[in-house]
C-alpha atoms as a PDB file:
ATOM      1  CA  UNK A   1      92.715 101.817 151.581  1.00  0.00           C
ATOM      2  CA  UNK A   2      95.624  99.740 150.806  1.00  0.00           C
ATOM      3  CA  UNK A   3      99.535 100.863 151.721  1.00  0.00           C
ATOM      4  CA  UNK A   4     100.102 101.055 148.003  1.00  0.00           C
ATOM      5  CA  UNK A   5      97.182 102.936 147.204  1.00  0.00           C
ATOM      6  CA  UNK A   6      98.189 105.214 150.167  1.00  0.00           C
ATOM      7  CA  UNK A   7     101.734 105.495 148.874  1.00  0.00           C
ATOM      8  CA  UNK A   8     100.572 106.835 145.499  1.00  0.00           C
ATOM      9  CA  UNK A   9      98.339 109.273 146.531  1.00  0.00           C
ATOM     10  CA  UNK A  10     101.008 110.734 148.671  1.00  0.00           C
ATOM     11  CA  UNK A  11     103.476 110.669 145.817  1.00  0.00           C
ATOM     12  CA  UNK A  12     100.780 112.265 143.594  1.00  0.00           C
ATOM     13  CA  UNK A  13      99.880 115.245 146.302  1.00  0.00           C
ATOM     14  CA  UNK A  14     103.594 115.886 146.873  1.00  0.00           C
ATOM     15  CA  UNK A  15     104.118 116.204 142.764  1.00  0.00           C
ATOM     16  CA  UNK A  16     101.180 118.808 142.819  1.00  0.00           C
ATOM     17  CA  UNK A  17     102.649 120.505 145.758  1.00  0.00           C
ATOM     18  CA  UNK A  18     105.954 120.702 143.848  1.00  0.00           C
ATOM     19  CA  UNK A  19     104.123 121.833 140.853  1.00  0.00           C
ATOM     20  CA  UNK A  20     103.062 124.816 142.466  1.00  0.00           C
ATOM     21  CA  UNK A  21     105.706 126.126 143.942  1.00  0.00           C
ATOM     22  CA  UNK A  22     107.647 125.676 140.922  1.00  0.00           C
ATOM     23  CA  UNK A  23     106.141 124.813 137.227  1.00  0.00           C
ATOM     24  CA  UNK A  24     109.007 123.858 135.810  1.00  0.00           C
ATOM     25  CA  UNK A  25     109.339 120.458 137.595  1.00  0.00           C
ATOM     26  CA  UNK A  26     106.384 119.426 135.920  1.00  0.00           C
ATOM     27  CA  UNK A  27     108.518 118.898 132.849  1.00  0.00           C
ATOM     28  CA  UNK A  28     111.500 117.421 135.040  1.00  0.00           C
ATOM     29  CA  UNK A  29     108.771 114.832 136.381  1.00  0.00           C
ATOM     30  CA  UNK A  30     107.547 113.880 132.774  1.00  0.00           C
ATOM     31  CA  UNK A  31     110.882 113.335 131.680  1.00  0.00           C
ATOM     32  CA  UNK A  32     112.038 111.126 134.811  1.00  0.00           C
ATOM     33  CA  UNK A  33     108.501 108.998 134.684  1.00  0.00           C
ATOM     34  CA  UNK A  34     109.335 106.012 132.998  1.00  0.00           C
ATOM     35  CA  UNK A  35     105.627 104.419 133.576  1.00  0.00           C
ATOM     36  CA  UNK A  36     104.458 102.533 130.516  1.00  0.00           C
ATOM     37  CA  UNK A  37     107.445 103.031 128.305  1.00  0.00           C
ATOM     38  CA  UNK A  38     107.421  99.809 126.787  1.00  0.00           C
ATOM     39  CA  UNK A  39     103.486 100.186 125.814  1.00  0.00           C
ATOM     40  CA  UNK A  40     104.906 103.308 123.989  1.00  0.00           C
ATOM     41  CA  UNK A  41     107.394 102.011 122.106  1.00  0.00           C
ATOM     42  CA  UNK A  42     105.084  99.042 120.885  1.00  0.00           C
ATOM     43  CA  UNK A  43     102.649 101.181 119.802  1.00  0.00           C
ATOM     44  CA  UNK A  44     105.306 102.842 117.456  1.00  0.00           C
ATOM     45  CA  UNK A  45     106.930  99.944 116.296  1.00  0.00           C
ATOM     46  CA  UNK A  46     103.654  97.739 115.564  1.00  0.00           C
ATOM     47  CA  UNK A  47     102.967  99.626 112.516  1.00  0.00           C
ATOM     48  CA  UNK A  48     106.136  99.153 110.634  1.00  0.00           C
ATOM     49  CA  UNK A  49     106.133  95.253 112.519  1.00  0.00           C
ATOM     50  CA  UNK A  50     103.085  94.977 110.527  1.00  0.00           C
ATOM     51  CA  UNK A  51     104.230  96.309 107.202  1.00  0.00           C
ATOM     52  CA  UNK A  52     107.055  94.254 107.399  1.00  0.00           C
ATOM     53  CA  UNK A  53     105.153  91.093 108.057  1.00  0.00           C
ATOM     54  CA  UNK A  54     102.573  91.724 104.759  1.00  0.00           C
ATOM     55  CA  UNK A  55     105.894  92.540 102.732  1.00  0.00           C
ATOM     56  CA  UNK A  56     107.404  89.088 103.776  1.00  0.00           C
ATOM     57  CA  UNK A  57     104.185  87.093 102.922  1.00  0.00           C
ATOM     58  CA  UNK A  58     103.665  88.723  99.768  1.00  0.00           C
ATOM     59  CA  UNK A  59     107.225  88.431  98.446  1.00  0.00           C
ATOM     60  CA  UNK A  60     107.101  84.649  99.409  1.00  0.00           C
ATOM     61  CA  UNK A  61     103.911  84.340  97.451  1.00  0.00           C
ATOM     62  CA  UNK A  62     105.351  86.429  94.137  1.00  0.00           C
ATOM     63  CA  UNK A  63     108.695  84.332  94.687  1.00  0.00           C
ATOM     64  CA  UNK A  64     106.498  80.778  94.791  1.00  0.00           C
ATOM     65  CA  UNK A  65     104.552  81.895  91.874  1.00  0.00           C
ATOM     66  CA  UNK A  66     107.199  82.757  89.561  1.00  0.00           C
ATOM     67  CA  UNK A  67     108.931  79.916  90.578  1.00  0.00           C
ATOM     68  CA  UNK A  68     105.904  77.974  89.177  1.00  0.00           C
ATOM     69  CA  UNK A  69     105.662  80.159  86.193  1.00  0.00           C
ATOM     70  CA  UNK A  70     109.379  79.309  84.717  1.00  0.00           C
ATOM     71  CA  UNK A  71     108.575  75.273  85.897  1.00  0.00           C
ATOM     72  CA  UNK A  72     105.398  75.215  83.925  1.00  0.00           C
ATOM     73  CA  UNK A  73     107.240  76.759  80.593  1.00  0.00           C
ATOM     74  CA  UNK A  74     110.118  74.273  80.910  1.00  0.00           C
ATOM     75  CA  UNK A  75     107.953  71.244  81.718  1.00  0.00           C
ATOM     76  CA  UNK A  76     105.415  71.698  79.043  1.00  0.00           C
ATOM     77  CA  UNK A  77     108.367  72.754  76.553  1.00  0.00           C
ATOM     78  CA  UNK A  78     110.570  69.761  77.453  1.00  0.00           C
ATOM     79  CA  UNK A  79     107.759  67.114  77.116  1.00  0.00           C
ATOM     80  CA  UNK A  80     106.708  68.516  73.456  1.00  0.00           C
ATOM     81  CA  UNK A  81     110.543  68.291  72.283  1.00  0.00           C
ATOM     82  CA  UNK A  82     110.521  64.539  73.044  1.00  0.00           C
ATOM     83  CA  UNK A  83     107.866  64.177  70.323  1.00  0.00           C
ATOM     84  CA  UNK A  84     108.182  63.877  67.016  1.00  0.00           C
ATOM     85  CA  UNK A  85     104.487  64.941  66.011  1.00  0.00           C
ATOM     86  CA  UNK A  86     101.539  65.874  67.903  1.00  0.00           C
ATOM     87  CA  UNK A  87      97.919  66.845  67.952  1.00  0.00           C
ATOM     88  CA  UNK A  88      95.549  69.671  69.468  1.00  0.00           C
ATOM     89  CA  UNK A  89      94.230  67.057  71.877  1.00  0.00           C
ATOM     90  CA  UNK A  90      97.692  65.866  73.071  1.00  0.00           C
ATOM     91  CA  UNK A  91      98.558  69.536  73.048  1.00  0.00           C
ATOM     92  CA  UNK A  92      95.396  70.413  75.280  1.00  0.00           C
ATOM     93  CA  UNK A  93      96.552  67.834  77.615  1.00  0.00           C
ATOM     94  CA  UNK A  94      99.732  68.885  78.198  1.00  0.00           C
ATOM     95  CA  UNK A  95      98.812  72.374  78.428  1.00  0.00           C
ATOM     96  CA  UNK A  96      96.395  71.012  81.465  1.00  0.00           C
ATOM     97  CA  UNK A  97      99.677  70.423  83.242  1.00  0.00           C
ATOM     98  CA  UNK A  98     100.188  73.943  83.906  1.00  0.00           C
ATOM     99  CA  UNK A  99      97.142  74.395  86.657  1.00  0.00           C
ATOM    100  CA  UNK A 100      98.392  71.291  88.161  1.00  0.00           C
ATOM    101  CA  UNK A 101     101.608  72.757  88.449  1.00  0.00           C
ATOM    102  CA  UNK A 102     100.478  76.061  89.506  1.00  0.00           C
ATOM    103  CA  UNK A 103      98.183  74.455  92.543  1.00  0.00           C
ATOM    104  CA  UNK A 104      97.269  75.871  94.871  1.00  0.00           C
ATOM    105  CA  UNK A 105      97.556  78.965  93.295  1.00  0.00           C
ATOM    106  CA  UNK A 106      94.702  80.126  91.186  1.00  0.00           C
ATOM    107  CA  UNK A 107      94.751  79.926  87.449  1.00  0.00           C
ATOM    108  CA  UNK A 108      92.180  82.649  86.460  1.00  0.00           C
ATOM    109  CA  UNK A 109      94.833  84.589  84.891  1.00  0.00           C
ATOM    110  CA  UNK A 110      97.071  81.808  83.907  1.00  0.00           C
ATOM    111  CA  UNK A 111      98.146  82.008  80.011  1.00  0.00           C
ATOM    112  CA  UNK A 112     100.304  79.511  78.309  1.00  0.00           C
ATOM    113  CA  UNK A 113     101.449  79.182  74.733  1.00  0.00           C
ATOM    114  CA  UNK A 114     103.355  76.739  72.671  1.00  0.00           C
ATOM    115  CA  UNK A 115     104.812  76.847  69.193  1.00  0.00           C
ATOM    116  CA  UNK A 116     107.125  75.530  67.048  1.00  0.00           C
ATOM    117  CA  UNK A 117     109.149  77.890  64.966  1.00  0.00           C
ATOM    118  CA  UNK A 118     111.264  77.278  62.266  1.00  0.00           C
ATOM    119  CA  UNK A 119     114.304  79.220  60.604  1.00  0.00           C
ATOM    120  CA  UNK A 120     115.084  79.547  56.529  1.00  0.00           C
ATOM    121  CA  UNK A 121     118.290  79.591  55.257  1.00  0.00           C
ATOM    122  CA  UNK A 122     118.718  83.109  55.997  1.00  0.00           C
ATOM    123  CA  UNK A 123     117.666  82.541  59.734  1.00  0.00           C
ATOM    124  CA  UNK A 124     114.323  84.434  59.294  1.00  0.00           C
ATOM    125  CA  UNK A 125     111.859  82.606  61.775  1.00  0.00           C
ATOM    126  CA  UNK A 126     108.479  81.799  61.125  1.00  0.00           C
ATOM    127  CA  UNK A 127     105.520  79.796  63.013  1.00  0.00           C
ATOM    128  CA  UNK A 128     104.998  76.267  62.072  1.00  0.00           C
ATOM    129  CA  UNK A 129     102.259  75.899  64.582  1.00  0.00           C
ATOM    130  CA  UNK A 130     101.017  77.348  67.929  1.00  0.00           C
ATOM    131  CA  UNK A 131      98.308  76.420  70.727  1.00  0.00           C
ATOM    132  CA  UNK A 132      97.210  77.751  73.796  1.00  0.00           C
ATOM    133  CA  UNK A 133      95.388  76.852  77.125  1.00  0.00           C
ATOM    134  CA  UNK A 134      92.485  78.289  75.857  1.00  0.00           C
ATOM    135  CA  UNK A 135      92.382  76.169  72.739  1.00  0.00           C
ATOM    136  CA  UNK A 136      93.277  79.025  70.237  1.00  0.00           C
ATOM    137  CA  UNK A 137      95.656  79.697  68.052  1.00  0.00           C
ATOM    138  CA  UNK A 138      97.676  82.658  69.598  1.00  0.00           C
ATOM    139  CA  UNK A 139     100.632  82.995  66.634  1.00  0.00           C
ATOM    140  CA  UNK A 140      99.305  83.067  62.829  1.00  0.00           C
ATOM    141  CA  UNK A 141     100.847  80.085  60.952  1.00  0.00           C
ATOM    142  CA  UNK A 142     103.567  81.020  58.387  1.00  0.00           C
ATOM    143  CA  UNK A 143     104.045  84.662  60.287  1.00  0.00           C
ATOM    144  CA  UNK A 144     106.813  85.948  62.504  1.00  0.00           C
ATOM    145  CA  UNK A 145     106.627  85.054  66.474  1.00  0.00           C
ATOM    146  CA  UNK A 146     105.708  87.982  68.372  1.00  0.00           C
ATOM    147  CA  UNK A 147     108.515  87.612  70.658  1.00  0.00           C
ATOM    148  CA  UNK A 148     112.136  88.387  70.567  1.00  0.00           C
ATOM    149  CA  UNK A 149     113.894  85.334  70.014  1.00  0.00           C
ATOM    150  CA  UNK A 150     117.604  84.723  71.225  1.00  0.00           C
ATOM    151  CA  UNK A 151     120.395  85.039  68.626  1.00  0.00           C
ATOM    152  CA  UNK A 152     121.869  81.580  70.127  1.00  0.00           C
ATOM    153  CA  UNK A 153     118.753  79.992  68.920  1.00  0.00           C
ATOM    154  CA  UNK A 154     118.008  81.843  65.640  1.00  0.00           C
ATOM    155  CA  UNK A 155     120.280  79.313  63.264  1.00  0.00           C
ATOM    156  CA  UNK A 156     119.269  78.360  59.544  1.00  0.00           C
ATOM    157  CA  UNK A 157     117.474  75.437  58.678  1.00  0.00           C
ATOM    158  CA  UNK A 158     116.823  74.718  62.180  1.00  0.00           C
ATOM    159  CA  UNK A 159     113.797  74.873  64.322  1.00  0.00           C
ATOM    160  CA  UNK A 160     112.495  74.928  68.380  1.00  0.00           C
ATOM    161  CA  UNK A 161     109.953  74.661  70.598  1.00  0.00           C
ATOM    162  CA  UNK A 162     109.121  77.711  72.093  1.00  0.00           C
ATOM    163  CA  UNK A 163     107.155  77.614  75.530  1.00  0.00           C
ATOM    164  CA  UNK A 164     105.782  80.713  76.951  1.00  0.00           C
ATOM    165  CA  UNK A 165     103.607  81.447  80.632  1.00  0.00           C
ATOM    166  CA  UNK A 166     102.382  84.343  81.863  1.00  0.00           C
ATOM    167  CA  UNK A 167     100.945  85.174  85.118  1.00  0.00           C
ATOM    168  CA  UNK A 168      99.283  87.947  86.570  1.00  0.00           C
ATOM    169  CA  UNK A 169     100.075  88.281  90.397  1.00  0.00           C
ATOM    170  CA  UNK A 170      97.547  89.972  92.606  1.00  0.00           C
ATOM    171  CA  UNK A 171      98.924  90.384  95.958  1.00  0.00           C
ATOM    172  CA  UNK A 172      96.366  89.102  98.818  1.00  0.00           C
ATOM    173  CA  UNK A 173      97.009  92.682 100.543  1.00  0.00           C
ATOM    174  CA  UNK A 174      96.808  94.742  97.325  1.00  0.00           C
ATOM    175  CA  UNK A 175      93.539  96.551  98.440  1.00  0.00           C
ATOM    176  CA  UNK A 176      95.436  98.230 100.944  1.00  0.00           C
ATOM    177  CA  UNK A 177      98.232  99.571  99.385  1.00  0.00           C
ATOM    178  CA  UNK A 178      96.558 100.183  95.573  1.00  0.00           C
ATOM    179  CA  UNK A 179      95.518 103.649  96.566  1.00  0.00           C
ATOM    180  CA  UNK A 180      98.790 104.630  97.587  1.00  0.00           C
ATOM    181  CA  UNK A 181     101.141 102.475  95.447  1.00  0.00           C
ATOM    182  CA  UNK A 182      99.069 101.884  91.671  1.00  0.00           C
ATOM    183  CA  UNK A 183     101.832  98.877  91.066  1.00  0.00           C
ATOM    184  CA  UNK A 184     100.998  97.181  94.207  1.00  0.00           C
ATOM    185  CA  UNK A 185      97.999  95.968  92.669  1.00  0.00           C
ATOM    186  CA  UNK A 186      99.057  93.289  90.411  1.00  0.00           C
ATOM    187  CA  UNK A 187     102.362  92.039  89.048  1.00  0.00           C
ATOM    188  CA  UNK A 188     102.961  90.480  85.776  1.00  0.00           C
ATOM    189  CA  UNK A 189     104.884  87.304  86.126  1.00  0.00           C
ATOM    190  CA  UNK A 190     106.271  85.569  83.058  1.00  0.00           C
ATOM    191  CA  UNK A 191     108.703  83.366  81.322  1.00  0.00           C
ATOM    192  CA  UNK A 192     109.827  81.561  77.903  1.00  0.00           C
ATOM    193  CA  UNK A 193     111.736  78.457  77.325  1.00  0.00           C
ATOM    194  CA  UNK A 194     113.425  77.523  73.555  1.00  0.00           C
ATOM    195  CA  UNK A 195     114.247  73.876  73.316  1.00  0.00           C
ATOM    196  CA  UNK A 196     115.496  72.177  70.253  1.00  0.00           C
ATOM    197  CA  UNK A 197     113.738  68.869  69.171  1.00  0.00           C
ATOM    198  CA  UNK A 198     114.814  65.791  70.544  1.00  0.00           C
ATOM    199  CA  UNK A 199     114.008  63.172  67.822  1.00  0.00           C
ATOM    200  CA  UNK A 200     113.475  65.117  64.900  1.00  0.00           C
ATOM    201  CA  UNK A 201     114.105  68.330  62.827  1.00  0.00           C
ATOM    202  CA  UNK A 202     110.673  69.572  63.722  1.00  0.00           C
ATOM    203  CA  UNK A 203     107.986  68.761  65.885  1.00  0.00           C
ATOM    204  CA  UNK A 204     104.780  68.719  63.653  1.00  0.00           C
ATOM    205  CA  UNK A 205     101.161  69.052  64.623  1.00  0.00           C
ATOM    206  CA  UNK A 206      98.729  67.033  62.181  1.00  0.00           C
ATOM    207  CA  UNK A 207      95.645  68.741  62.783  1.00  0.00           C
ATOM    208  CA  UNK A 208      96.570  72.136  63.894  1.00  0.00           C
ATOM    209  CA  UNK A 209      94.979  75.263  62.485  1.00  0.00           C
END
C-alpha cells in the first residue's frame, strides 16, 4: 500500500472514531471539508452559463436579421424612387435583391411589398400600384394603403414610394424553451420606408394590374 493511501486510510479511521465518540463532529468535518468545491461550483454555474450562451447567440441572430430587414426596405425603395417608370418584370428583379441581402439566413418567411401611393388635394392617400416578392398585388389599386402613413409624408398633391419588409425570425433553440415561453417560438421583424420620387412626380408602373 502506498504511503499516500496509508495516510488517507488513517485519516478516515480517525474521522470514523471521532464521529462515533461525538456525532456532532460529522457536521463539523463536513463543513470543513473543501474537497470537490470547484467541481460543485462548476456544476451550479454551468446551467446559467449555458442559458447565457444561448441567449447571446439568439440575440445576435435576431439583431443581424433585423438590420437586414431594414436594409432590404431601404435599398429596394431607393432604387424604385430613382425611376420614372417601372414594369412588373423590373419590380420582380428588384424584389429578388431581398433574398441576396438576407443571405445566409433563410428567406422562407420573407415578404417584401413595394407600392406607389399618391395624395389628393385633401391629403387622402390611395394606392397607384403595388407588388410583392410573390408576384402578387397585395394592395388594391385605388384603395387606401393598409398601413398608417406618417403625417410628414401625407402632403397634398404628392406621391411616395413605400417599401415594407416582413420576416418571421425563428430562434435556433426555440424548441427548448417553447414549452416554457410561448413567445420564444418566433419573432416578427418588420420595417417600412417612405421615399419621394427623385426624377418624377409619381413613379408609374406600365403593366401593373
